[in-house]
Amino acid sequence: MKTTFFSEFMSAAKEAPRLYFAPLVGAGRAIKAEFRRVEEESAGKAPLAPTAKH
């Protein structure tokens, strides 16, 4: 199959939203994980472990 400019352009256009929103999706997942960790810690299921890396 011959790759054309148009096919490359369409492929990039389909990937652009994914690349643009990836940091937001990752941040949302991290926030959910942190809330889960805090809930478990407050319920006494797991000890509080630091998640921030300095």
N, C-alpha and C. Protein backbone atom coordinates (compact mmCIF):
# COMPACT_ATOMS: atom_id res chain seq x y z
N MET A 1 0.85 -1.19 0.00
CA MET A 1 0.00 0.00 0.00
C MET A 1 0.88 1.24 0.00
N LYS A 2 0.59 2.14 -0.88
CA LYS A 2 1.36 3.37 -1.01
C LYS A 2 0.85 4.39 0.00
N THR A 3 1.79 4.98 0.74
CA THR A 3 1.44 6.01 1.70
C THR A 3 1.42 7.35 0.99
N THR A 4 0.31 8.03 1.12
CA THR A 4 0.18 9.33 0.48
C THR A 4 0.15 10.43 1.54
N PHE A 5 0.32 11.63 1.09
CA PHE A 5 0.25 12.76 2.00
C PHE A 5 -1.11 12.81 2.68
N PHE A 6 -2.16 12.57 1.93
CA PHE A 6 -3.51 12.63 2.49
C PHE A 6 -3.71 11.57 3.56
N SER A 7 -3.23 10.34 3.31
CA SER A 7 -3.40 9.29 4.31
C SER A 7 -2.60 9.59 5.57
N GLU A 8 -1.40 10.15 5.41
CA GLU A 8 -0.60 10.55 6.57
C GLU A 8 -1.28 11.68 7.34
N PHE A 9 -1.85 12.63 6.60
CA PHE A 9 -2.55 13.74 7.22
C PHE A 9 -3.75 13.25 8.02
N MET A 10 -4.52 12.36 7.45
CA MET A 10 -5.70 11.82 8.15
C MET A 10 -5.28 11.02 9.38
N SER A 11 -4.22 10.27 9.28
CA SER A 11 -3.72 9.51 10.42
C SER A 11 -3.30 10.45 11.55
N ALA A 12 -2.60 11.52 11.21
CA ALA A 12 -2.18 12.50 12.22
C ALA A 12 -3.38 13.21 12.83
N ALA A 13 -4.38 13.51 12.00
CA ALA A 13 -5.58 14.18 12.50
C ALA A 13 -6.33 13.30 13.49
N LYS A 14 -6.33 12.00 13.27
CA LYS A 14 -7.00 11.08 14.19
C LYS A 14 -6.25 10.95 15.51
N GLU A 15 -4.92 11.05 15.47
CA GLU A 15 -4.10 10.92 16.68
C GLU A 15 -4.03 12.21 17.49
N ALA A 16 -4.23 13.35 16.88
CA ALA A 16 -4.05 14.63 17.55
C ALA A 16 -4.87 14.78 18.83
N PRO A 17 -6.16 14.45 18.84
CA PRO A 17 -6.90 14.60 20.10
C PRO A 17 -6.34 13.71 21.22
N ARG A 18 -5.93 12.51 20.87
CA ARG A 18 -5.35 11.62 21.86
C ARG A 18 -4.10 12.22 22.48
N LEU A 19 -3.24 12.77 21.64
CA LEU A 19 -2.00 13.38 22.13
C LEU A 19 -2.28 14.64 22.93
N TYR A 20 -3.28 15.39 22.52
CA TYR A 20 -3.61 16.64 23.21
C TYR A 20 -4.18 16.38 24.60
N PHE A 21 -5.05 15.38 24.71
CA PHE A 21 -5.73 15.13 25.98
C PHE A 21 -5.03 14.12 26.88
N ALA A 22 -3.96 13.50 26.42
CA ALA A 22 -3.26 12.50 27.23
C ALA A 22 -2.82 13.03 28.59
N PRO A 23 -2.24 14.24 28.68
CA PRO A 23 -1.86 14.73 30.02
C PRO A 23 -3.06 14.93 30.95
N LEU A 24 -4.18 15.37 30.39
CA LEU A 24 -5.38 15.56 31.22
C LEU A 24 -5.93 14.23 31.70
N VAL A 25 -5.93 13.23 30.84
CA VAL A 25 -6.40 11.90 31.22
C VAL A 25 -5.49 11.33 32.31
N GLY A 26 -4.19 11.48 32.13
CA GLY A 26 -3.24 10.99 33.13
C GLY A 26 -3.42 11.69 34.46
N ALA A 27 -3.63 12.99 34.44
CA ALA A 27 -3.84 13.74 35.67
C ALA A 27 -5.12 13.29 36.36
N GLY A 28 -6.16 13.07 35.59
CA GLY A 28 -7.43 12.58 36.16
C GLY A 28 -7.26 11.22 36.82
N ARG A 29 -6.53 10.33 36.18
CA ARG A 29 -6.29 9.01 36.76
C ARG A 29 -5.47 9.11 38.04
N ALA A 30 -4.49 10.00 38.05
CA ALA A 30 -3.66 10.18 39.25
C ALA A 30 -4.49 10.73 40.40
N ILE A 31 -5.39 11.65 40.12
CA ILE A 31 -6.25 12.21 41.16
C ILE A 31 -7.16 11.13 41.72
N LYS A 32 -7.76 10.32 40.85
CA LYS A 32 -8.61 9.23 41.31
C LYS A 32 -7.84 8.25 42.18
N ALA A 33 -6.61 7.92 41.77
CA ALA A 33 -5.79 6.99 42.54
C ALA A 33 -5.45 7.57 43.91
N GLU A 34 -5.18 8.86 43.96
CA GLU A 34 -4.86 9.50 45.23
C GLU A 34 -6.07 9.52 46.15
N PHE A 35 -7.25 9.81 45.62
CA PHE A 35 -8.46 9.76 46.44
C PHE A 35 -8.69 8.35 46.98
N ARG A 36 -8.49 7.35 46.12
CA ARG A 36 -8.64 5.96 46.54
C ARG A 36 -7.67 5.62 47.67
N ARG A 37 -6.42 6.08 47.52
CA ARG A 37 -5.40 5.81 48.53
C ARG A 37 -5.77 6.48 49.85
N VAL A 38 -6.24 7.70 49.81
CA VAL A 38 -6.62 8.42 51.02
C VAL A 38 -7.82 7.74 51.68
N GLU A 39 -8.80 7.31 50.89
CA GLU A 39 -9.96 6.61 51.45
C GLU A 39 -9.54 5.32 52.14
N GLU A 40 -8.65 4.56 51.51
CA GLU A 40 -8.18 3.32 52.11
C GLU A 40 -7.40 3.59 53.39
N GLU A 41 -6.59 4.63 53.39
CA GLU A 41 -5.81 4.97 54.57
C GLU A 41 -6.72 5.39 55.71
N SER A 42 -7.74 6.18 55.41
CA SER A 42 -8.64 6.65 56.46
C SER A 42 -9.52 5.52 56.99
N ALA A 43 -9.74 4.48 56.18
CA ALA A 43 -10.51 3.33 56.63
C ALA A 43 -9.63 2.34 57.40
N GLY A 44 -8.33 2.60 57.45
CA GLY A 44 -7.42 1.74 58.18
C GLY A 44 -6.95 0.52 57.42
N LYS A 45 -7.13 0.52 56.11
CA LYS A 45 -6.76 -0.64 55.30
C LYS A 45 -5.28 -0.63 54.94
N ALA A 46 -4.70 0.56 54.75
CA ALA A 46 -3.31 0.64 54.33
C ALA A 46 -2.64 1.82 55.02
N PRO A 47 -1.38 1.71 55.34
CA PRO A 47 -0.68 2.84 55.95
C PRO A 47 -0.48 3.96 54.93
N LEU A 48 -0.36 5.18 55.43
CA LEU A 48 -0.15 6.32 54.57
C LEU A 48 1.25 6.26 53.98
N ALA A 49 1.32 6.24 52.66
CA ALA A 49 2.61 6.20 51.98
C ALA A 49 2.76 7.47 51.15
N PRO A 50 3.89 8.15 51.25
CA PRO A 50 4.05 9.38 50.46
C PRO A 50 4.08 9.05 48.97
N THR A 51 3.41 9.90 48.19
CA THR A 51 3.38 9.68 46.74
C THR A 51 4.16 10.75 46.00
N ALA A 52 4.42 11.89 46.65
CA ALA A 52 5.15 12.97 45.98
C ALA A 52 6.63 12.65 45.97
N LYS A 53 7.27 12.90 44.85
CA LYS A 53 8.70 12.67 44.73
C LYS A 53 9.39 14.02 44.58
N HIS A 54 10.26 14.33 45.48
CA HIS A 54 10.94 15.64 45.47
C HIS A 54 12.33 15.49 44.94
